[in-house]
Amino acid sequence: MTDRFSTYLFDLDGTLIDSLADLRTALNLVRSDYSLPDMEIEEVRQKVGDGARKLVERSLPESLFSDQAVQAFLSYYSEHLLEHTRPYPKIPALLARLQEQGARLGVVTNKPLAMTQPILKGLGLTGFFQVVLGGDSLPTKKPHPGMIEEAMRILQSSPQDTLVVGDHHTDLHAGDAAGTHTCFCEWGFGHSDGLSPDLTAATSQALCDLLAPAP
């Protein structure tokens, strides 16, 4: 089945990289500004998936949420982007194999582009991708299909040849709405929202074996 895909569009957090610890650091710095206790890592995991603004909104009492709080989070996060963030096991190998096979690769994430690009560069992943779209690259974010459609336009790909790979229902909804195939990554931060993806991988090693098995 996977032989027919020529284009792979990947989510970032919870799919290619484990960024929870650094997100937690930035969120807890914001919370400390309001004399709130630290959140545990599992609490942060449950709040990720819809961009920075939603993440901050979910992490503060309604009365304390503001544009200022979002900007504080982005400032703190920019200072801690790569302290603990790493690619999941086998992800660099997967990207290398797909690239060697001539596949077109992209990142489509709700994370702001100003955070996405330094992370990809710092982890040595930039060179794998022909397109990188962040949550502020277009007027809409996932689950809206706009980012998927724009990435396919840039890569000159068709929906039937494209696989959207992600760990959250926003990825699956966006792929479905854009008419692509989808792959759900069970190891990530999100949930499938009851959707039925074309492919499912329990671990990043399983994803590598599924999409680009070693010869």
Protein backbone atom coordinates (compact mmCIF):
# COMPACT_ATOMS: atom_id res chain seq x y z
CA MET A 1 0.00 0.00 0.00
CA THR A 2 2.72 2.48 0.93
CA ASP A 3 4.46 2.11 -2.44
CA ARG A 4 1.92 4.38 -4.06
CA PHE A 5 2.69 7.43 -1.95
CA SER A 6 5.05 9.96 -3.50
CA THR A 7 4.49 12.69 -0.90
CA TYR A 8 4.60 12.53 2.91
CA LEU A 9 3.38 15.44 5.03
CA PHE A 10 4.41 15.13 8.67
CA ASP A 11 3.13 16.79 11.80
CA LEU A 12 5.99 17.88 14.09
CA ASP A 13 5.32 17.64 17.85
CA GLY A 14 4.41 14.12 18.93
CA THR A 15 5.15 12.75 15.48
CA LEU A 16 8.72 13.62 14.47
CA ILE A 17 9.93 15.09 17.76
CA ASP A 18 9.34 14.74 21.48
CA SER A 19 9.08 18.34 22.68
CA LEU A 20 6.98 17.87 25.81
CA ALA A 21 9.68 18.69 28.35
CA ASP A 22 10.57 22.01 26.72
CA LEU A 23 6.92 22.95 26.24
CA ARG A 24 6.36 22.18 29.91
CA THR A 25 9.26 24.43 30.90
CA ALA A 26 7.83 27.38 28.98
CA LEU A 27 4.28 26.83 30.23
CA ASN A 28 5.41 26.57 33.84
CA LEU A 29 7.39 29.80 33.51
CA VAL A 30 4.19 31.50 32.37
CA ARG A 31 2.24 29.91 35.22
CA SER A 32 4.87 31.05 37.69
CA ASP A 33 4.29 34.63 36.52
CA TYR A 34 0.77 34.23 37.92
CA SER A 35 1.89 32.32 41.05
CA LEU A 36 0.34 29.09 39.76
CA PRO A 37 1.85 25.67 40.54
CA ASP A 38 3.83 23.75 37.94
CA MET A 39 2.03 21.35 35.61
CA GLU A 40 3.22 17.77 35.32
CA ILE A 41 4.35 16.39 31.97
CA GLU A 42 1.18 14.35 31.46
CA GLU A 43 -0.96 17.42 31.98
CA VAL A 44 0.95 19.17 29.21
CA ARG A 45 0.57 16.15 26.94
CA GLN A 46 -3.21 16.44 27.14
CA LYS A 47 -3.19 20.10 26.09
CA VAL A 48 -0.95 20.01 22.99
CA GLY A 49 -2.17 19.81 19.42
CA ASP A 50 -3.92 23.00 18.29
CA GLY A 51 -1.18 25.61 18.27
CA ALA A 52 0.50 27.82 20.86
CA ARG A 53 -2.50 30.01 21.64
CA LYS A 54 -4.75 27.07 22.45
CA LEU A 55 -1.99 25.45 24.49
CA VAL A 56 -1.64 28.53 26.68
CA GLU A 57 -5.41 28.96 26.92
CA ARG A 58 -5.79 25.40 28.16
CA SER A 59 -2.97 25.87 30.66
CA LEU A 60 -4.28 28.95 32.46
CA PRO A 61 -7.49 29.81 34.28
CA GLU A 62 -9.87 31.64 31.97
CA SER A 63 -9.50 34.86 33.95
CA LEU A 64 -5.73 34.92 33.39
CA PHE A 65 -5.61 34.05 29.72
CA SER A 66 -4.58 36.94 27.45
CA ASP A 67 -2.53 37.87 24.40
CA GLN A 68 0.19 38.92 26.84
CA ALA A 69 0.28 35.42 28.29
CA VAL A 70 0.62 33.92 24.81
CA GLN A 71 3.49 36.26 23.99
CA ALA A 72 5.18 35.42 27.29
CA PHE A 73 4.92 31.72 26.47
CA LEU A 74 6.41 32.23 23.00
CA SER A 75 9.26 34.25 24.49
CA TYR A 76 10.02 31.64 27.14
CA TYR A 77 9.71 28.79 24.68
CA SER A 78 12.11 30.43 22.22
CA GLU A 79 14.72 30.31 24.99
CA HIS A 80 14.21 26.60 25.71
CA LEU A 81 13.46 25.10 22.28
CA LEU A 82 16.20 22.50 22.23
CA GLU A 83 17.08 21.75 25.83
CA HIS A 84 15.40 18.35 25.84
CA THR A 85 13.63 18.13 22.46
CA ARG A 86 14.85 15.26 20.29
CA PRO A 87 13.61 13.28 17.28
CA TYR A 88 11.82 10.08 18.16
CA PRO A 89 13.87 6.89 17.60
CA LYS A 90 14.37 5.96 13.93
CA ILE A 91 12.75 9.16 12.62
CA PRO A 92 15.96 10.51 11.00
CA ALA A 93 16.52 7.09 9.40
CA LEU A 94 12.94 7.07 8.09
CA LEU A 95 13.30 10.52 6.56
CA ALA A 96 16.62 9.57 4.99
CA ARG A 97 15.16 6.44 3.41
CA LEU A 98 12.15 8.26 2.03
CA GLN A 99 14.42 10.96 0.63
CA GLU A 100 16.65 8.35 -1.01
CA GLN A 101 13.56 6.85 -2.62
CA GLY A 102 12.74 10.20 -4.20
CA ALA A 103 9.73 11.03 -2.04
CA ARG A 104 8.63 14.61 -1.53
CA LEU A 105 8.60 15.48 2.18
CA GLY A 106 6.97 18.29 4.10
CA VAL A 107 6.24 19.44 7.64
CA VAL A 108 2.76 20.80 8.34
CA THR A 109 2.46 21.85 11.98
CA ASN A 110 0.30 24.15 14.08
CA LYS A 111 3.49 25.27 15.90
CA PRO A 112 4.54 28.81 14.88
CA LEU A 113 7.04 28.84 12.03
CA ALA A 114 9.53 30.89 14.08
CA MET A 115 9.74 27.97 16.52
CA THR A 116 9.52 25.19 13.93
CA GLN A 117 12.44 26.22 11.76
CA PRO A 118 15.07 26.53 14.55
CA ILE A 119 14.02 23.16 15.96
CA LEU A 120 14.36 21.42 12.59
CA LYS A 121 17.73 23.10 12.03
CA GLY A 122 18.99 22.35 15.53
CA LEU A 123 18.09 18.68 15.18
CA GLY A 124 19.62 18.39 11.72
CA LEU A 125 16.28 17.69 10.02
CA THR A 126 15.86 20.76 7.79
CA GLY A 127 17.46 19.20 4.72
CA PHE A 128 14.86 16.46 4.47
CA PHE A 129 11.94 18.80 3.77
CA GLN A 130 10.99 20.65 0.62
CA VAL A 131 8.23 22.57 2.36
CA VAL A 132 7.68 23.60 5.99
CA LEU A 133 4.42 25.27 7.01
CA GLY A 134 3.74 26.52 10.52
CA GLY A 135 0.57 27.47 12.32
CA ASP A 136 1.00 31.11 11.26
CA SER A 137 1.92 30.41 7.62
CA LEU A 138 -1.72 30.59 6.49
CA PRO A 139 -4.95 32.09 7.85
CA THR A 140 -6.12 28.63 8.95
CA LYS A 141 -4.64 25.81 11.03
CA LYS A 142 -5.31 22.08 11.14
CA PRO A 143 -7.93 20.57 11.30
CA HIS A 144 -8.77 22.90 8.41
CA PRO A 145 -7.35 21.33 5.22
CA GLY A 146 -5.76 24.56 3.98
CA MET A 147 -2.23 23.77 5.14
CA ILE A 148 -2.31 20.31 3.61
CA GLU A 149 -3.65 21.70 0.35
CA GLU A 150 -0.99 24.42 0.25
CA ALA A 151 1.81 21.93 0.90
CA MET A 152 0.52 19.72 -1.94
CA ARG A 153 0.34 22.74 -4.23
CA ILE A 154 3.96 23.67 -3.48
CA LEU A 155 5.12 20.08 -3.94
CA GLN A 156 2.92 19.60 -7.03
CA SER A 157 1.37 16.53 -5.43
CA SER A 158 -2.09 15.03 -5.76
CA PRO A 159 -4.23 13.92 -2.79
CA GLN A 160 -4.25 10.29 -3.92
CA ASP A 161 -0.43 10.23 -3.86
CA THR A 162 -0.11 11.97 -0.47
CA LEU A 163 0.05 10.55 3.06
CA VAL A 164 -0.53 12.84 6.04
CA VAL A 165 1.28 11.47 9.11
CA GLY A 166 0.39 12.73 12.58
CA ASP A 167 -0.43 11.93 16.18
CA HIS A 168 -3.56 14.03 16.62
CA HIS A 169 -7.09 14.05 15.32
CA THR A 170 -6.39 17.48 13.82
CA ASP A 171 -3.97 15.80 11.39
CA LEU A 172 -6.50 13.12 10.48
CA HIS A 173 -9.34 15.60 10.03
CA ALA A 174 -7.15 17.86 7.87
CA GLY A 175 -5.99 14.96 5.71
CA ASP A 176 -9.50 13.61 5.30
CA ALA A 177 -10.83 17.04 4.32
CA ALA A 178 -8.01 17.46 1.79
CA GLY A 179 -8.72 14.03 0.30
CA THR A 180 -5.35 12.50 1.22
CA HIS A 181 -4.49 9.22 2.90
CA THR A 182 -3.71 9.40 6.62
CA CYS A 183 -1.47 7.61 9.11
CA PHE A 184 -2.03 7.86 12.88
CA CYS A 185 0.99 7.77 15.21
CA GLU A 186 -0.15 6.17 18.45
CA TRP A 187 2.96 7.10 20.44
CA GLY A 188 2.34 10.84 20.23
CA PHE A 189 0.48 13.42 22.29
CA GLY A 190 -3.01 13.28 20.81
CA HIS A 191 -5.88 10.93 20.03
CA SER A 192 -7.70 9.84 16.88
CA ASP A 193 -11.12 11.22 17.86
CA GLY A 194 -12.62 7.94 16.70
CA LEU A 195 -11.50 8.42 13.11
CA SER A 196 -10.26 5.51 11.00
CA PRO A 197 -6.91 6.33 9.38
CA ASP A 198 -5.59 4.35 6.42
CA LEU A 199 -2.52 3.34 8.42
CA THR A 200 -1.62 3.16 12.11
CA ALA A 201 1.80 2.86 13.75
CA ALA A 202 2.27 2.04 17.43
CA THR A 203 5.87 3.29 17.63
CA SER A 204 8.26 5.37 15.55
CA GLN A 205 10.15 2.15 14.75
CA ALA A 206 6.90 0.65 13.46
CA LEU A 207 6.33 3.74 11.30
CA CYS A 208 9.81 3.32 9.82
CA ASP A 209 9.13 -0.34 9.11
CA LEU A 210 5.78 0.53 7.56
CA LEU A 211 6.76 3.41 5.29
CA ALA A 212 10.38 2.63 4.44
CA PRO A 213 11.45 -0.85 5.54
CA ALA A 214 15.14 -1.60 5.46
CA PRO A 215 16.22 -3.60 2.40
